């Protein structure tokens, strides 16, 4: 059935392109079945023990729950996670961050990402230092929405006021760097003070990555981040070749890090 598997704009009939390419339509019964059949094949025959969904929020919450239920009949410990960014409202309950809370299907946590990547927590002269530190503290306890945290302003309140949205740490994928945008090393070279030493830059990188490892939730690390991976400041290297896509910046010989 030509065109069945795509989503269309109701006014123009054009294929929706909210993702990086032509959007599929999981609300169509056979598109969801195609997803389920594919996932079951990968789980049963290829032993995939988790699945990541790009722009998961273009699917409905119910679709994602049904797909996971089907896969867990093959592998009861199989874990689902994906990008839960809120998309254009199209009349259904999106599989986004807020809606997936409590489901234990993980969504990428941009709260901890931005609190660290902006570099304010490493800059004592930054106006956003304390507020970003509050968001890091919230992330350390799983970005739970009902946790009562005393903030830098001296007031205590639910972390939902800081952007907390999870009901369970399993709802959360903690990360500061992945294939999209600049690597952590490149981003920190934009945001850290220009007059600090290489040793201090490496220290900031290690602290930034380490926060994810001690925070409640599922840690997600970009390959090569522990080697100060750089993409030569290129934020979108999908078509840039192996030198930029796979290159790493060798760690300089320093002491005391």
Foldseek 3Di string as FASTA:
>chain_A
DPPQFFDADPPPRHFDPPDVDGHGQCVRPVNLVVVLVVLQCCCQPVVQQEDEDEQQQSYAPVSVLVSLVSSCVRPVRRAAEYAQDDDPDDPGHTSHLQSCAPVLRAHEDVLLQCLQLLPLCVPPPDPCNQLSVQSLVCQQALLAQQDWDQGPVRDTGGSVVSVRRHNALSHYEYDNAELAFWGSLLSCCVRPDPPDDLVVSLVSLVVSQVSQVNGRHHYDYYPQSNQQAGLPRDRHCPPPDCCNRPPGDGRDDDDDD
